Amino acid sequence: MYDPVEKGDTKPYKVTDEDWKKLHRKAVSLSRQWVDLGVFHHVATETNAQTLWKNIEK
């Protein structure tokens, strides 16, 4: 989960585009599980793990 959140769209060179998208989806899914319902609407449609994390930090 660390790489998609910290690196955003800059994927490691050994990771395929499809695998990078899967990692983002997994990180987003895991993060959404722990978001309070009061702020869930701020991240409900986000698909980028880094952007989702920045929205949570706000």
PDB file of N, CA and C in Angstrom:
ATOM      1  N   MET A   1       0.820  -1.182   0.000  1.00  0.00           N
ATOM      2  CA  MET A   1       0.000   0.000   0.000  1.00  0.00           C
ATOM      3  C   MET A   1       0.871   1.256   0.000  1.00  0.00           C
ATOM      4  N   TYR A   2       2.072   1.161   0.468  1.00  0.00           N
ATOM      5  CA  TYR A   2       2.945   2.325   0.589  1.00  0.00           C
ATOM      6  C   TYR A   2       3.272   2.948  -0.766  1.00  0.00           C
ATOM      7  N   ASP A   3       3.665   2.146  -1.744  1.00  0.00           N
ATOM      8  CA  ASP A   3       4.094   2.689  -3.041  1.00  0.00           C
ATOM      9  C   ASP A   3       3.027   3.520  -3.748  1.00  0.00           C
ATOM     10  N   PRO A   4       1.809   3.032  -3.931  1.00  0.00           N
ATOM     11  CA  PRO A   4       0.818   3.863  -4.620  1.00  0.00           C
ATOM     12  C   PRO A   4       0.510   5.168  -3.893  1.00  0.00           C
ATOM     13  N   VAL A   5       0.538   5.139  -2.566  1.00  0.00           N
ATOM     14  CA  VAL A   5       0.230   6.352  -1.806  1.00  0.00           C
ATOM     15  C   VAL A   5       1.375   7.350  -1.899  1.00  0.00           C
ATOM     16  N   GLU A   6       2.603   6.888  -1.743  1.00  0.00           N
ATOM     17  CA  GLU A   6       3.751   7.787  -1.733  1.00  0.00           C
ATOM     18  C   GLU A   6       4.196   8.209  -3.132  1.00  0.00           C
ATOM     19  N   LYS A   7       4.141   7.314  -4.095  1.00  0.00           N
ATOM     20  CA  LYS A   7       4.658   7.605  -5.434  1.00  0.00           C
ATOM     21  C   LYS A   7       3.604   8.130  -6.394  1.00  0.00           C
ATOM     22  N   GLY A   8       2.343   7.932  -6.074  1.00  0.00           N
ATOM     23  CA  GLY A   8       1.278   8.435  -6.940  1.00  0.00           C
ATOM     24  C   GLY A   8       1.289   7.779  -8.303  1.00  0.00           C
ATOM     25  N   ASP A   9       1.487   8.570  -9.344  1.00  0.00           N
ATOM     26  CA  ASP A   9       1.475   8.043 -10.709  1.00  0.00           C
ATOM     27  C   ASP A   9       2.847   7.588 -11.182  1.00  0.00           C
ATOM     28  N   THR A  10       3.889   7.790 -10.380  1.00  0.00           N
ATOM     29  CA  THR A  10       5.242   7.382 -10.752  1.00  0.00           C
ATOM     30  C   THR A  10       5.441   5.936 -10.334  1.00  0.00           C
ATOM     31  N   LYS A  11       5.256   5.028 -11.268  1.00  0.00           N
ATOM     32  CA  LYS A  11       5.346   3.610 -10.933  1.00  0.00           C
ATOM     33  C   LYS A  11       6.783   3.117 -11.049  1.00  0.00           C
ATOM     34  N   PRO A  12       7.146   2.112 -10.265  1.00  0.00           N
ATOM     35  CA  PRO A  12       8.465   1.502 -10.401  1.00  0.00           C
ATOM     36  C   PRO A  12       8.618   0.885 -11.789  1.00  0.00           C
ATOM     37  N   TYR A  13       9.812   0.899 -12.318  1.00  0.00           N
ATOM     38  CA  TYR A  13      10.007   0.451 -13.697  1.00  0.00           C
ATOM     39  C   TYR A  13       9.733  -1.032 -13.898  1.00  0.00           C
ATOM     40  N   LYS A  14       9.807  -1.842 -12.853  1.00  0.00           N
ATOM     41  CA  LYS A  14       9.576  -3.281 -12.996  1.00  0.00           C
ATOM     42  C   LYS A  14       8.101  -3.665 -12.918  1.00  0.00           C
ATOM     43  N   VAL A  15       7.245  -2.722 -12.610  1.00  0.00           N
ATOM     44  CA  VAL A  15       5.817  -2.995 -12.445  1.00  0.00           C
ATOM     45  C   VAL A  15       5.074  -2.613 -13.725  1.00  0.00           C
ATOM     46  N   THR A  16       4.222  -3.506 -14.192  1.00  0.00           N
ATOM     47  CA  THR A  16       3.446  -3.211 -15.400  1.00  0.00           C
ATOM     48  C   THR A  16       2.349  -2.198 -15.078  1.00  0.00           C
ATOM     49  N   ASP A  17       1.830  -1.565 -16.111  1.00  0.00           N
ATOM     50  CA  ASP A  17       0.752  -0.588 -15.919  1.00  0.00           C
ATOM     51  C   ASP A  17      -0.465  -1.230 -15.261  1.00  0.00           C
ATOM     52  N   GLU A  18      -0.799  -2.430 -15.708  1.00  0.00           N
ATOM     53  CA  GLU A  18      -1.966  -3.126 -15.156  1.00  0.00           C
ATOM     54  C   GLU A  18      -1.760  -3.456 -13.676  1.00  0.00           C
ATOM     55  N   ASP A  19      -0.567  -3.921 -13.323  1.00  0.00           N
ATOM     56  CA  ASP A  19      -0.285  -4.229 -11.920  1.00  0.00           C
ATOM     57  C   ASP A  19      -0.293  -2.967 -11.059  1.00  0.00           C
ATOM     58  N   TRP A  20       0.171  -1.850 -11.620  1.00  0.00           N
ATOM     59  CA  TRP A  20       0.173  -0.585 -10.881  1.00  0.00           C
ATOM     60  C   TRP A  20      -1.255  -0.118 -10.612  1.00  0.00           C
ATOM     61  N   LYS A  21      -2.146  -0.307 -11.600  1.00  0.00           N
ATOM     62  CA  LYS A  21      -3.554   0.047 -11.407  1.00  0.00           C
ATOM     63  C   LYS A  21      -4.181  -0.831 -10.325  1.00  0.00           C
ATOM     64  N   LYS A  22      -3.821  -2.119 -10.321  1.00  0.00           N
ATOM     65  CA  LYS A  22      -4.339  -3.032  -9.301  1.00  0.00           C
ATOM     66  C   LYS A  22      -3.875  -2.616  -7.908  1.00  0.00           C
ATOM     67  N   LEU A  23      -2.610  -2.223  -7.795  1.00  0.00           N
ATOM     68  CA  LEU A  23      -2.097  -1.776  -6.502  1.00  0.00           C
ATOM     69  C   LEU A  23      -2.833  -0.532  -6.015  1.00  0.00           C
ATOM     70  N   HIS A  24      -3.127   0.389  -6.937  1.00  0.00           N
ATOM     71  CA  HIS A  24      -3.896   1.580  -6.576  1.00  0.00           C
ATOM     72  C   HIS A  24      -5.289   1.193  -6.094  1.00  0.00           C
ATOM     73  N   ARG A  25      -5.950   0.290  -6.815  1.00  0.00           N
ATOM     74  CA  ARG A  25      -7.297  -0.131  -6.422  1.00  0.00           C
ATOM     75  C   ARG A  25      -7.292  -0.800  -5.047  1.00  0.00           C
ATOM     76  N   LYS A  26      -6.280  -1.626  -4.793  1.00  0.00           N
ATOM     77  CA  LYS A  26      -6.189  -2.297  -3.493  1.00  0.00           C
ATOM     78  C   LYS A  26      -5.949  -1.293  -2.372  1.00  0.00           C
ATOM     79  N   ALA A  27      -5.061  -0.340  -2.613  1.00  0.00           N
ATOM     80  CA  ALA A  27      -4.772   0.676  -1.596  1.00  0.00           C
ATOM     81  C   ALA A  27      -5.998   1.542  -1.329  1.00  0.00           C
ATOM     82  N   VAL A  28      -6.708   1.918  -2.383  1.00  0.00           N
ATOM     83  CA  VAL A  28      -7.922   2.729  -2.234  1.00  0.00           C
ATOM     84  C   VAL A  28      -8.978   1.942  -1.464  1.00  0.00           C
ATOM     85  N   SER A  29      -9.151   0.692  -1.823  1.00  0.00           N
ATOM     86  CA  SER A  29     -10.150  -0.147  -1.158  1.00  0.00           C
ATOM     87  C   SER A  29      -9.835  -0.311   0.326  1.00  0.00           C
ATOM     88  N   LEU A  30      -8.588  -0.581   0.635  1.00  0.00           N
ATOM     89  CA  LEU A  30      -8.190  -0.758   2.030  1.00  0.00           C
ATOM     90  C   LEU A  30      -8.360   0.535   2.818  1.00  0.00           C
ATOM     91  N   SER A  31      -8.005   1.642   2.218  1.00  0.00           N
ATOM     92  CA  SER A  31      -8.138   2.939   2.896  1.00  0.00           C
ATOM     93  C   SER A  31      -9.596   3.283   3.157  1.00  0.00           C
ATOM     94  N   ARG A  32     -10.450   3.010   2.200  1.00  0.00           N
ATOM     95  CA  ARG A  32     -11.882   3.328   2.351  1.00  0.00           C
ATOM     96  C   ARG A  32     -12.523   2.552   3.490  1.00  0.00           C
ATOM     97  N   GLN A  33     -12.017   1.349   3.762  1.00  0.00           N
ATOM     98  CA  GLN A  33     -12.586   0.537   4.831  1.00  0.00           C
ATOM     99  C   GLN A  33     -12.462   1.207   6.193  1.00  0.00           C
ATOM    100  N   TRP A  34     -11.467   2.067   6.359  1.00  0.00           N
ATOM    101  CA  TRP A  34     -11.188   2.650   7.663  1.00  0.00           C
ATOM    102  C   TRP A  34     -11.567   4.118   7.761  1.00  0.00           C
ATOM    103  N   VAL A  35     -12.203   4.645   6.730  1.00  0.00           N
ATOM    104  CA  VAL A  35     -12.614   6.048   6.735  1.00  0.00           C
ATOM    105  C   VAL A  35     -13.958   6.172   7.448  1.00  0.00           C
ATOM    106  N   ASP A  36     -14.069   7.167   8.293  1.00  0.00           N
ATOM    107  CA  ASP A  36     -15.311   7.431   9.010  1.00  0.00           C
ATOM    108  C   ASP A  36     -16.421   7.790   8.023  1.00  0.00           C
ATOM    109  N   LEU A  37     -17.639   7.384   8.322  1.00  0.00           N
ATOM    110  CA  LEU A  37     -18.768   7.658   7.427  1.00  0.00           C
ATOM    111  C   LEU A  37     -19.010   9.149   7.228  1.00  0.00           C
ATOM    112  N   GLY A  38     -18.613   9.953   8.182  1.00  0.00           N
ATOM    113  CA  GLY A  38     -18.799  11.391   8.072  1.00  0.00           C
ATOM    114  C   GLY A  38     -17.950  12.037   6.990  1.00  0.00           C
ATOM    115  N   VAL A  39     -16.840  11.403   6.630  1.00  0.00           N
ATOM    116  CA  VAL A  39     -15.961  11.954   5.588  1.00  0.00           C
ATOM    117  C   VAL A  39     -15.874  11.047   4.361  1.00  0.00           C
ATOM    118  N   PHE A  40     -16.601   9.950   4.403  1.00  0.00           N
ATOM    119  CA  PHE A  40     -16.526   8.983   3.303  1.00  0.00           C
ATOM    120  C   PHE A  40     -16.894   9.605   1.963  1.00  0.00           C
ATOM    121  N   HIS A  41     -17.853  10.525   1.963  1.00  0.00           N
ATOM    122  CA  HIS A  41     -18.295  11.128   0.702  1.00  0.00           C
ATOM    123  C   HIS A  41     -17.173  11.922   0.027  1.00  0.00           C
ATOM    124  N   HIS A  42     -16.145  12.307   0.770  1.00  0.00           N
ATOM    125  CA  HIS A  42     -15.014  13.029   0.188  1.00  0.00           C
ATOM    126  C   HIS A  42     -14.088  12.105  -0.604  1.00  0.00           C
ATOM    127  N   VAL A  43     -14.118  10.818  -0.315  1.00  0.00           N
ATOM    128  CA  VAL A  43     -13.198   9.881  -0.957  1.00  0.00           C
ATOM    129  C   VAL A  43     -13.911   8.754  -1.699  1.00  0.00           C
ATOM    130  N   ALA A  44     -15.216   8.773  -1.726  1.00  0.00           N
ATOM    131  CA  ALA A  44     -15.993   7.663  -2.283  1.00  0.00           C
ATOM    132  C   ALA A  44     -15.727   7.418  -3.761  1.00  0.00           C
ATOM    133  N   THR A  45     -15.445   8.448  -4.524  1.00  0.00           N
ATOM    134  CA  THR A  45     -15.259   8.277  -5.968  1.00  0.00           C
ATOM    135  C   THR A  45     -13.799   8.340  -6.389  1.00  0.00           C
ATOM    136  N   GLU A  46     -12.895   8.480  -5.445  1.00  0.00           N
ATOM    137  CA  GLU A  46     -11.474   8.606  -5.778  1.00  0.00           C
ATOM    138  C   GLU A  46     -10.894   7.255  -6.187  1.00  0.00           C
ATOM    139  N   THR A  47     -10.076   7.244  -7.245  1.00  0.00           N
ATOM    140  CA  THR A  47      -9.459   6.003  -7.711  1.00  0.00           C
ATOM    141  C   THR A  47      -7.943   6.028  -7.593  1.00  0.00           C
ATOM    142  N   ASN A  48      -7.372   7.176  -7.284  1.00  0.00           N
ATOM    143  CA  ASN A  48      -5.927   7.298  -7.130  1.00  0.00           C
ATOM    144  C   ASN A  48      -5.602   7.286  -5.639  1.00  0.00           C
ATOM    145  N   ALA A  49      -4.724   6.367  -5.234  1.00  0.00           N
ATOM    146  CA  ALA A  49      -4.422   6.190  -3.814  1.00  0.00           C
ATOM    147  C   ALA A  49      -3.779   7.430  -3.198  1.00  0.00           C
ATOM    148  N   GLN A  50      -2.904   8.085  -3.933  1.00  0.00           N
ATOM    149  CA  GLN A  50      -2.234   9.265  -3.393  1.00  0.00           C
ATOM    150  C   GLN A  50      -3.221  10.421  -3.196  1.00  0.00           C
ATOM    151  N   THR A  51      -4.084  10.638  -4.163  1.00  0.00           N
ATOM    152  CA  THR A  51      -5.086  11.693  -4.058  1.00  0.00           C
ATOM    153  C   THR A  51      -6.059  11.397  -2.924  1.00  0.00           C
ATOM    154  N   LEU A  52      -6.469  10.147  -2.797  1.00  0.00           N
ATOM    155  CA  LEU A  52      -7.360   9.756  -1.710  1.00  0.00           C
ATOM    156  C   LEU A  52      -6.715  10.059  -0.363  1.00  0.00           C
ATOM    157  N   TRP A  53      -5.459   9.718  -0.214  1.00  0.00           N
ATOM    158  CA  TRP A  53      -4.765   9.936   1.050  1.00  0.00           C
ATOM    159  C   TRP A  53      -4.664  11.428   1.370  1.00  0.00           C
ATOM    160  N   LYS A  54      -4.379  12.234   0.358  1.00  0.00           N
ATOM    161  CA  LYS A  54      -4.290  13.682   0.571  1.00  0.00           C
ATOM    162  C   LYS A  54      -5.647  14.255   0.969  1.00  0.00           C
ATOM    163  N   ASN A  55      -6.728  13.724   0.402  1.00  0.00           N
ATOM    164  CA  ASN A  55      -8.068  14.170   0.785  1.00  0.00           C
ATOM    165  C   ASN A  55      -8.380  13.797   2.232  1.00  0.00           C
ATOM    166  N   ILE A  56      -7.928  12.651   2.662  1.00  0.00           N
ATOM    167  CA  ILE A  56      -8.138  12.227   4.049  1.00  0.00           C
ATOM    168  C   ILE A  56      -7.357  13.139   4.995  1.00  0.00           C
ATOM    169  N   GLU A  57      -6.151  13.515   4.602  1.00  0.00           N
ATOM    170  CA  GLU A  57      -5.325  14.374   5.453  1.00  0.00           C
ATOM    171  C   GLU A  57      -5.936  15.753   5.657  1.00  0.00           C
ATOM    172  N   LYS A  58      -6.705  16.239   4.685  1.00  0.00           N
ATOM    173  CA  LYS A  58      -7.321  17.565   4.798  1.00  0.00           C
ATOM    174  C   LYS A  58      -8.280  17.527   5.921  1.00  0.00           C
TER     175      LYS A  58
END
